[in-house]
Structure formats: C-alpha cells, structure tokens
Amino acid sequence: MKRVLIFFAAGCLGAFANSVVVWLFGDLGITKALGVSISPALTASWLYPRIVWGGIWGLLFFLPLCNSKPFSKGTLLSLFPTMVQLFIVFPYKANKGIAGIELGIFTPVFVFIYNWVWGVVTSLTIRYSK
C-alpha cells in the first residue's frame, strides 16, 4: 500500500510540474511563437484534473523497466500518456485532429516535452522518497 501511495503522490507532483511548464510556455509565448495554440490559464479547474490524472498515470511506475535509471524510466513511461494524448484525447475527445495537429504542427513536440517533465519528476520523486 505504501508504494501505491508513493507512486500516486509522485505522479501528482510530476503532473504539477508538467502543468507549471505547460502554463509557463504559454504565458511566455513560447508555444505561440512556434505556432501552437496551447496557452492555458493557471486555474484550479484546469490544474485539479491534470494532477489527479498524473497520480493515476504514476501507477505505471510499478512496471519493472529501467529501475536503476530514473531518467530512462521517466522518459520511457512518459510515452504512455503522450500516446494517449496524441492519439485518443486530441482526435476523439477534443476534436483537434490526430496528434493535435489542428493546434499547430509542433503540438506533438510540446506534448512530448510536457510529459517528459511529468515522467522525470515522477521518477526522481519515487527514487528519493525511499
């Protein structure tokens, strides 16, 4: 039970870091400069579901992959939520096309970067919580 709680909490922290980076890139105009329409407001209603889903995704860290290498494990496991975002959420839930291309051609790159932040922060949190 302790590991479930650690992995969930680490995923929540990773999602918070991810969300701050998403907001910051939008606020600084980085996404807009590259033609991507992702610029959310940092509000509780936007943040809360992202943090909960980040915790749920954190349970992926039970998979025995690259256990001794937190950057490798975080990078590898970040591909799961990235693929879901690009190939399920954007086209079917948000109606933004495959890989969110309607938001801009570089959308997949940003999604990968954002989820990489989640994966690495989650992995490092788990590593240093033991």
N, C-alpha and C. Protein backbone atom coordinates (compact mmCIF):
# COMPACT_ATOMS: atom_id res chain seq x y z
N MET A 1 0.82 -1.19 0.00
CA MET A 1 0.00 0.00 0.00
C MET A 1 0.87 1.26 0.00
N LYS A 2 1.99 1.20 0.71
CA LYS A 2 2.89 2.35 0.78
C LYS A 2 3.39 2.73 -0.61
N ARG A 3 3.76 1.73 -1.41
CA ARG A 3 4.26 2.01 -2.75
C ARG A 3 3.18 2.63 -3.64
N VAL A 4 1.94 2.18 -3.50
CA VAL A 4 0.84 2.76 -4.27
C VAL A 4 0.71 4.24 -3.94
N LEU A 5 0.75 4.56 -2.66
CA LEU A 5 0.63 5.95 -2.23
C LEU A 5 1.81 6.79 -2.73
N ILE A 6 3.00 6.24 -2.66
CA ILE A 6 4.19 6.96 -3.13
C ILE A 6 4.10 7.20 -4.63
N PHE A 7 3.73 6.18 -5.39
CA PHE A 7 3.67 6.32 -6.84
C PHE A 7 2.58 7.30 -7.25
N PHE A 8 1.43 7.24 -6.57
CA PHE A 8 0.35 8.17 -6.88
C PHE A 8 0.77 9.60 -6.55
N ALA A 9 1.32 9.80 -5.36
CA ALA A 9 1.74 11.14 -4.95
C ALA A 9 2.85 11.66 -5.86
N ALA A 10 3.78 10.80 -6.23
CA ALA A 10 4.86 11.21 -7.13
C ALA A 10 4.30 11.61 -8.49
N GLY A 11 3.31 10.86 -8.98
CA GLY A 11 2.65 11.20 -10.23
C GLY A 11 1.93 12.53 -10.14
N CYS A 12 1.33 12.81 -8.99
CA CYS A 12 0.67 14.10 -8.77
C CYS A 12 1.70 15.24 -8.81
N LEU A 13 2.83 15.03 -8.15
CA LEU A 13 3.87 16.06 -8.16
C LEU A 13 4.41 16.26 -9.58
N GLY A 14 4.60 15.15 -10.29
CA GLY A 14 5.04 15.24 -11.68
C GLY A 14 4.04 15.99 -12.54
N ALA A 15 2.75 15.75 -12.30
CA ALA A 15 1.71 16.45 -13.06
C ALA A 15 1.68 17.93 -12.72
N PHE A 16 1.95 18.26 -11.46
CA PHE A 16 2.01 19.68 -11.09
C PHE A 16 3.16 20.36 -11.83
N ALA A 17 4.33 19.70 -11.85
CA ALA A 17 5.49 20.25 -12.57
C ALA A 17 5.17 20.38 -14.06
N ASN A 18 4.57 19.35 -14.64
CA ASN A 18 4.15 19.36 -16.03
C ASN A 18 3.22 20.55 -16.29
N SER A 19 2.24 20.73 -15.43
CA SER A 19 1.25 21.80 -15.61
C SER A 19 1.88 23.18 -15.53
N VAL A 20 2.81 23.35 -14.61
CA VAL A 20 3.50 24.64 -14.49
C VAL A 20 4.29 24.92 -15.77
N VAL A 21 4.93 23.90 -16.33
CA VAL A 21 5.70 24.08 -17.57
C VAL A 21 4.75 24.41 -18.73
N VAL A 22 3.61 23.69 -18.82
CA VAL A 22 2.63 23.99 -19.88
C VAL A 22 2.17 25.44 -19.77
N TRP A 23 1.80 25.84 -18.56
CA TRP A 23 1.34 27.22 -18.34
C TRP A 23 2.45 28.23 -18.65
N LEU A 24 3.65 27.95 -18.16
CA LEU A 24 4.78 28.87 -18.36
C LEU A 24 5.11 29.04 -19.84
N PHE A 25 5.16 27.94 -20.59
CA PHE A 25 5.43 28.03 -22.03
C PHE A 25 4.37 28.89 -22.72
N GLY A 26 3.11 28.72 -22.31
CA GLY A 26 2.04 29.53 -22.88
C GLY A 26 2.16 30.98 -22.45
N ASP A 27 2.41 31.20 -21.17
CA ASP A 27 2.49 32.56 -20.63
C ASP A 27 3.67 33.33 -21.22
N LEU A 28 4.77 32.66 -21.45
CA LEU A 28 5.95 33.31 -22.03
C LEU A 28 5.86 33.45 -23.55
N GLY A 29 4.84 32.84 -24.15
CA GLY A 29 4.66 32.94 -25.59
C GLY A 29 5.49 31.97 -26.40
N ILE A 30 6.08 30.98 -25.74
CA ILE A 30 6.93 30.01 -26.45
C ILE A 30 6.10 29.19 -27.42
N THR A 31 4.96 28.68 -26.97
CA THR A 31 4.11 27.88 -27.85
C THR A 31 3.58 28.73 -29.01
N LYS A 32 3.14 29.92 -28.70
CA LYS A 32 2.60 30.81 -29.75
C LYS A 32 3.66 31.14 -30.79
N ALA A 33 4.89 31.37 -30.34
CA ALA A 33 5.99 31.70 -31.26
C ALA A 33 6.24 30.58 -32.25
N LEU A 34 5.92 29.34 -31.85
CA LEU A 34 6.11 28.20 -32.75
C LEU A 34 4.80 27.74 -33.38
N GLY A 35 3.78 28.59 -33.29
CA GLY A 35 2.52 28.33 -33.98
C GLY A 35 1.63 27.29 -33.32
N VAL A 36 1.78 27.10 -32.02
CA VAL A 36 0.97 26.11 -31.30
C VAL A 36 0.01 26.85 -30.37
N SER A 37 -1.26 26.49 -30.47
CA SER A 37 -2.30 27.15 -29.67
C SER A 37 -2.56 26.42 -28.36
N ILE A 38 -1.55 26.36 -27.52
CA ILE A 38 -1.70 25.80 -26.18
C ILE A 38 -1.19 26.87 -25.22
N SER A 39 -2.14 27.52 -24.55
CA SER A 39 -1.79 28.59 -23.63
C SER A 39 -2.86 28.68 -22.54
N PRO A 40 -2.87 27.69 -21.64
CA PRO A 40 -3.93 27.66 -20.63
C PRO A 40 -3.71 28.67 -19.51
N ALA A 41 -4.79 29.02 -18.86
CA ALA A 41 -4.71 29.84 -17.64
C ALA A 41 -4.43 28.91 -16.47
N LEU A 42 -3.65 29.34 -15.53
CA LEU A 42 -3.32 28.53 -14.37
C LEU A 42 -4.43 28.70 -13.32
N THR A 43 -5.46 27.86 -13.47
CA THR A 43 -6.61 27.91 -12.57
C THR A 43 -6.79 26.55 -11.90
N ALA A 44 -7.50 26.54 -10.80
CA ALA A 44 -7.75 25.29 -10.08
C ALA A 44 -8.54 24.31 -10.95
N SER A 45 -9.51 24.82 -11.70
CA SER A 45 -10.33 23.93 -12.53
C SER A 45 -9.53 23.29 -13.66
N TRP A 46 -8.48 23.93 -14.11
CA TRP A 46 -7.60 23.35 -15.13
C TRP A 46 -6.58 22.43 -14.47
N LEU A 47 -6.08 22.83 -13.31
CA LEU A 47 -5.00 22.11 -12.64
C LEU A 47 -5.46 20.81 -11.98
N TYR A 48 -6.59 20.84 -11.29
CA TYR A 48 -7.02 19.70 -10.49
C TYR A 48 -7.11 18.39 -11.28
N PRO A 49 -7.85 18.32 -12.40
CA PRO A 49 -7.92 17.03 -13.11
C PRO A 49 -6.57 16.57 -13.64
N ARG A 50 -5.71 17.51 -14.01
CA ARG A 50 -4.38 17.16 -14.50
C ARG A 50 -3.57 16.48 -13.40
N ILE A 51 -3.67 17.00 -12.18
CA ILE A 51 -2.93 16.43 -11.05
C ILE A 51 -3.47 15.04 -10.71
N VAL A 52 -4.78 14.88 -10.71
CA VAL A 52 -5.36 13.57 -10.41
C VAL A 52 -4.94 12.55 -11.48
N TRP A 53 -5.05 12.92 -12.75
CA TRP A 53 -4.63 12.00 -13.81
C TRP A 53 -3.13 11.71 -13.74
N GLY A 54 -2.35 12.71 -13.37
CA GLY A 54 -0.91 12.47 -13.20
C GLY A 54 -0.64 11.44 -12.14
N GLY A 55 -1.41 11.48 -11.04
CA GLY A 55 -1.27 10.47 -10.00
C GLY A 55 -1.65 9.09 -10.49
N ILE A 56 -2.74 9.02 -11.25
CA ILE A 56 -3.15 7.72 -11.81
C ILE A 56 -2.08 7.19 -12.76
N TRP A 57 -1.58 8.05 -13.63
CA TRP A 57 -0.50 7.63 -14.54
C TRP A 57 0.75 7.23 -13.76
N GLY A 58 0.94 7.79 -12.58
CA GLY A 58 2.10 7.44 -11.75
C GLY A 58 2.14 5.97 -11.38
N LEU A 59 1.00 5.31 -11.41
CA LEU A 59 0.96 3.88 -11.10
C LEU A 59 1.68 3.05 -12.16
N LEU A 60 1.95 3.65 -13.32
CA LEU A 60 2.76 2.96 -14.34
C LEU A 60 4.15 2.61 -13.81
N PHE A 61 4.59 3.34 -12.81
CA PHE A 61 5.94 3.12 -12.29
C PHE A 61 6.09 1.79 -11.55
N PHE A 62 4.98 1.05 -11.43
CA PHE A 62 5.09 -0.32 -10.94
C PHE A 62 5.74 -1.23 -11.97
N LEU A 63 5.69 -0.83 -13.25
CA LEU A 63 6.30 -1.65 -14.30
C LEU A 63 7.81 -1.73 -14.07
N PRO A 64 8.36 -2.94 -14.12
CA PRO A 64 9.80 -3.11 -13.83
C PRO A 64 10.68 -2.79 -15.04
N LEU A 65 10.76 -1.52 -15.38
CA LEU A 65 11.56 -1.08 -16.51
C LEU A 65 12.62 -0.10 -16.05
N CYS A 66 13.86 -0.32 -16.40
CA CYS A 66 14.95 0.63 -16.13
C CYS A 66 14.92 1.11 -14.67
N ASN A 67 14.73 0.22 -13.73
CA ASN A 67 14.56 0.61 -12.33
C ASN A 67 15.75 1.37 -11.75
N SER A 68 16.93 1.13 -12.27
CA SER A 68 18.11 1.79 -11.70
C SER A 68 18.41 3.13 -12.38
N LYS A 69 17.65 3.48 -13.41
CA LYS A 69 17.92 4.69 -14.17
C LYS A 69 16.66 5.56 -14.21
N PRO A 70 16.53 6.52 -13.27
CA PRO A 70 15.29 7.29 -13.20
C PRO A 70 15.00 8.13 -14.44
N PHE A 71 16.02 8.68 -15.09
CA PHE A 71 15.77 9.47 -16.30
C PHE A 71 15.27 8.59 -17.43
N SER A 72 15.86 7.40 -17.57
CA SER A 72 15.42 6.47 -18.61
C SER A 72 14.01 5.98 -18.34
N LYS A 73 13.74 5.62 -17.10
CA LYS A 73 12.40 5.12 -16.77
C LYS A 73 11.36 6.22 -16.94
N GLY A 74 11.67 7.42 -16.46
CA GLY A 74 10.74 8.53 -16.61
C GLY A 74 10.47 8.86 -18.06
N THR A 75 11.50 8.83 -18.88
CA THR A 75 11.34 9.10 -20.31
C THR A 75 10.51 8.02 -20.98
N LEU A 76 10.83 6.76 -20.70
CA LEU A 76 10.10 5.65 -21.30
C LEU A 76 8.63 5.66 -20.90
N LEU A 77 8.35 5.82 -19.62
CA LEU A 77 6.96 5.78 -19.16
C LEU A 77 6.18 7.04 -19.56
N SER A 78 6.87 8.13 -19.83
CA SER A 78 6.16 9.33 -20.28
C SER A 78 5.56 9.14 -21.67
N LEU A 79 6.03 8.14 -22.39
CA LEU A 79 5.49 7.88 -23.72
C LEU A 79 4.04 7.37 -23.66
N PHE A 80 3.65 6.73 -22.56
CA PHE A 80 2.27 6.22 -22.44
C PHE A 80 1.25 7.36 -22.42
N PRO A 81 1.36 8.33 -21.49
CA PRO A 81 0.38 9.43 -21.55
C PRO A 81 0.53 10.29 -22.80
N THR A 82 1.74 10.34 -23.35
CA THR A 82 1.94 11.10 -24.59
C THR A 82 1.13 10.48 -25.73
N MET A 83 1.21 9.18 -25.88
CA MET A 83 0.47 8.50 -26.95
C MET A 83 -1.04 8.62 -26.74
N VAL A 84 -1.48 8.51 -25.50
CA VAL A 84 -2.92 8.66 -25.22
C VAL A 84 -3.37 10.07 -25.58
N GLN A 85 -2.59 11.07 -25.19
CA GLN A 85 -2.95 12.47 -25.50
C GLN A 85 -3.00 12.69 -27.01
N LEU A 86 -1.99 12.21 -27.71
CA LEU A 86 -1.89 12.47 -29.15
C LEU A 86 -2.89 11.67 -29.99
N PHE A 87 -3.16 10.42 -29.58
CA PHE A 87 -3.95 9.55 -30.45
C PHE A 87 -5.33 9.18 -29.93
N ILE A 88 -5.67 9.63 -28.73
CA ILE A 88 -7.03 9.40 -28.21
C ILE A 88 -7.67 10.73 -27.80
N VAL A 89 -7.00 11.46 -26.92
CA VAL A 89 -7.60 12.69 -26.38
C VAL A 89 -7.78 13.75 -27.47
N PHE A 90 -6.71 14.10 -28.17
CA PHE A 90 -6.82 15.16 -29.19
C PHE A 90 -7.82 14.80 -30.30
N PRO A 91 -7.71 13.63 -30.91
CA PRO A 91 -8.63 13.38 -32.03
C PRO A 91 -10.07 13.06 -31.61
N TYR A 92 -10.27 12.34 -30.52
CA TYR A 92 -11.61 11.86 -30.19
C TYR A 92 -12.32 12.66 -29.10
N LYS A 93 -11.59 13.23 -28.17
CA LYS A 93 -12.21 13.97 -27.07
C LYS A 93 -12.22 15.48 -27.33
N ALA A 94 -11.14 15.99 -27.90
CA ALA A 94 -11.01 17.43 -28.11
C ALA A 94 -11.26 17.86 -29.55
N ASN A 95 -11.41 16.89 -30.45
CA ASN A 95 -11.63 17.18 -31.87
C ASN A 95 -10.57 18.12 -32.45
N LYS A 96 -9.31 17.83 -32.15
CA LYS A 96 -8.19 18.64 -32.63
C LYS A 96 -7.32 17.90 -33.63
N GLY A 97 -7.83 16.81 -34.16
CA GLY A 97 -7.09 16.04 -35.16
C GLY A 97 -6.08 15.09 -34.54
N ILE A 98 -5.61 14.19 -35.38
CA ILE A 98 -4.59 13.25 -34.93
C ILE A 98 -3.37 14.04 -34.45
N ALA A 99 -2.90 13.70 -33.28
CA ALA A 99 -1.73 14.33 -32.65
C ALA A 99 -1.94 15.81 -32.36
N GLY A 100 -3.19 16.27 -32.38
CA GLY A 100 -3.47 17.66 -32.07
C GLY A 100 -2.95 18.63 -33.11
N ILE A 101 -2.80 18.17 -34.33
CA ILE A 101 -2.21 18.98 -35.39
C ILE A 101 -3.00 20.27 -35.64
N GLU A 102 -4.29 20.25 -35.35
CA GLU A 102 -5.09 21.48 -35.53
C GLU A 102 -4.66 22.58 -34.56
N LEU A 103 -3.94 22.21 -33.51
CA LEU A 103 -3.42 23.21 -32.57
C LEU A 103 -2.09 23.78 -33.03
N GLY A 104 -1.49 23.14 -34.02
CA GLY A 104 -0.19 23.59 -34.54
C GLY A 104 0.68 22.39 -34.87
N ILE A 105 1.52 22.54 -35.85
CA ILE A 105 2.34 21.43 -36.34
C ILE A 105 3.32 20.90 -35.29
N PHE A 106 3.74 21.76 -34.35
CA PHE A 106 4.69 21.33 -33.33
C PHE A 106 4.01 20.82 -32.06
N THR A 107 2.70 20.66 -32.09
CA THR A 107 1.98 20.18 -30.90
C THR A 107 2.55 18.87 -30.36
N PRO A 108 2.82 17.86 -31.21
CA PRO A 108 3.39 16.62 -30.66
C PRO A 108 4.70 16.82 -29.93
N VAL A 109 5.52 17.74 -30.39
CA VAL A 109 6.80 18.02 -29.74
C VAL A 109 6.56 18.56 -28.33
N PHE A 110 5.63 19.52 -28.22
CA PHE A 110 5.33 20.09 -26.91
C PHE A 110 4.72 19.05 -25.99
N VAL A 111 3.83 18.22 -26.50
CA VAL A 111 3.22 17.18 -25.67
C VAL A 111 4.30 16.23 -25.15
N PHE A 112 5.24 15.87 -26.01
CA PHE A 112 6.34 15.01 -25.57
C PHE A 112 7.16 15.69 -24.48
N ILE A 113 7.50 16.96 -24.67
CA ILE A 113 8.30 17.69 -23.67
C ILE A 113 7.54 17.76 -22.34
N TYR A 114 6.27 18.13 -22.40
CA TYR A 114 5.48 18.27 -21.17
C TYR A 114 5.38 16.95 -20.43
N ASN A 115 5.13 15.88 -21.16
CA ASN A 115 5.02 14.58 -20.50
C ASN A 115 6.36 14.04 -20.05
N TRP A 116 7.42 14.43 -20.73
CA TRP A 116 8.76 14.06 -20.27
C TRP A 116 9.02 14.69 -18.90
N VAL A 117 8.62 15.94 -18.73
CA VAL A 117 8.76 16.60 -17.42
C VAL A 117 8.01 15.79 -16.37
N TRP A 118 6.77 15.39 -16.68
CA TRP A 118 6.00 14.57 -15.74
C TRP A 118 6.77 13.29 -15.40
N GLY A 119 7.25 12.58 -16.41
CA GLY A 119 7.91 11.30 -16.19
C GLY A 119 9.18 11.41 -15.36
N VAL A 120 10.00 12.39 -15.67
CA VAL A 120 11.27 12.53 -14.94
C VAL A 120 11.03 13.01 -13.51
N VAL A 121 10.15 13.98 -13.32
CA VAL A 121 9.85 14.45 -11.95
C VAL A 121 9.25 13.31 -11.13
N THR A 122 8.34 12.56 -11.73
CA THR A 122 7.73 11.42 -11.03
C THR A 122 8.78 10.39 -10.66
N SER A 123 9.63 10.05 -11.60
CA SER A 123 10.66 9.05 -11.38
C SER A 123 11.65 9.48 -10.29
N LEU A 124 12.08 10.73 -10.35
CA LEU A 124 13.02 11.23 -9.34
C LEU A 124 12.36 11.33 -7.96
N THR A 125 11.09 11.68 -7.93
CA THR A 125 10.37 11.73 -6.65
C THR A 125 10.29 10.35 -6.02
N ILE A 126 9.99 9.36 -6.83
CA ILE A 126 9.93 7.98 -6.32
C ILE A 126 11.31 7.55 -5.83
N ARG A 127 12.33 7.86 -6.62
CA ARG A 127 13.70 7.46 -6.26
C ARG A 127 14.10 8.04 -4.90
N TYR A 128 13.80 9.31 -4.67
CA TYR A 128 14.25 9.97 -3.45
C TYR A 128 13.27 9.89 -2.30
N SER A 129 12.14 9.21 -2.51
CA SER A 129 11.17 9.05 -1.41
C SER A 129 11.41 7.77 -0.63
N LYS A 130 12.28 6.94 -1.13
CA LYS A 130 12.52 5.64 -0.48
C LYS A 130 13.55 5.76 0.61
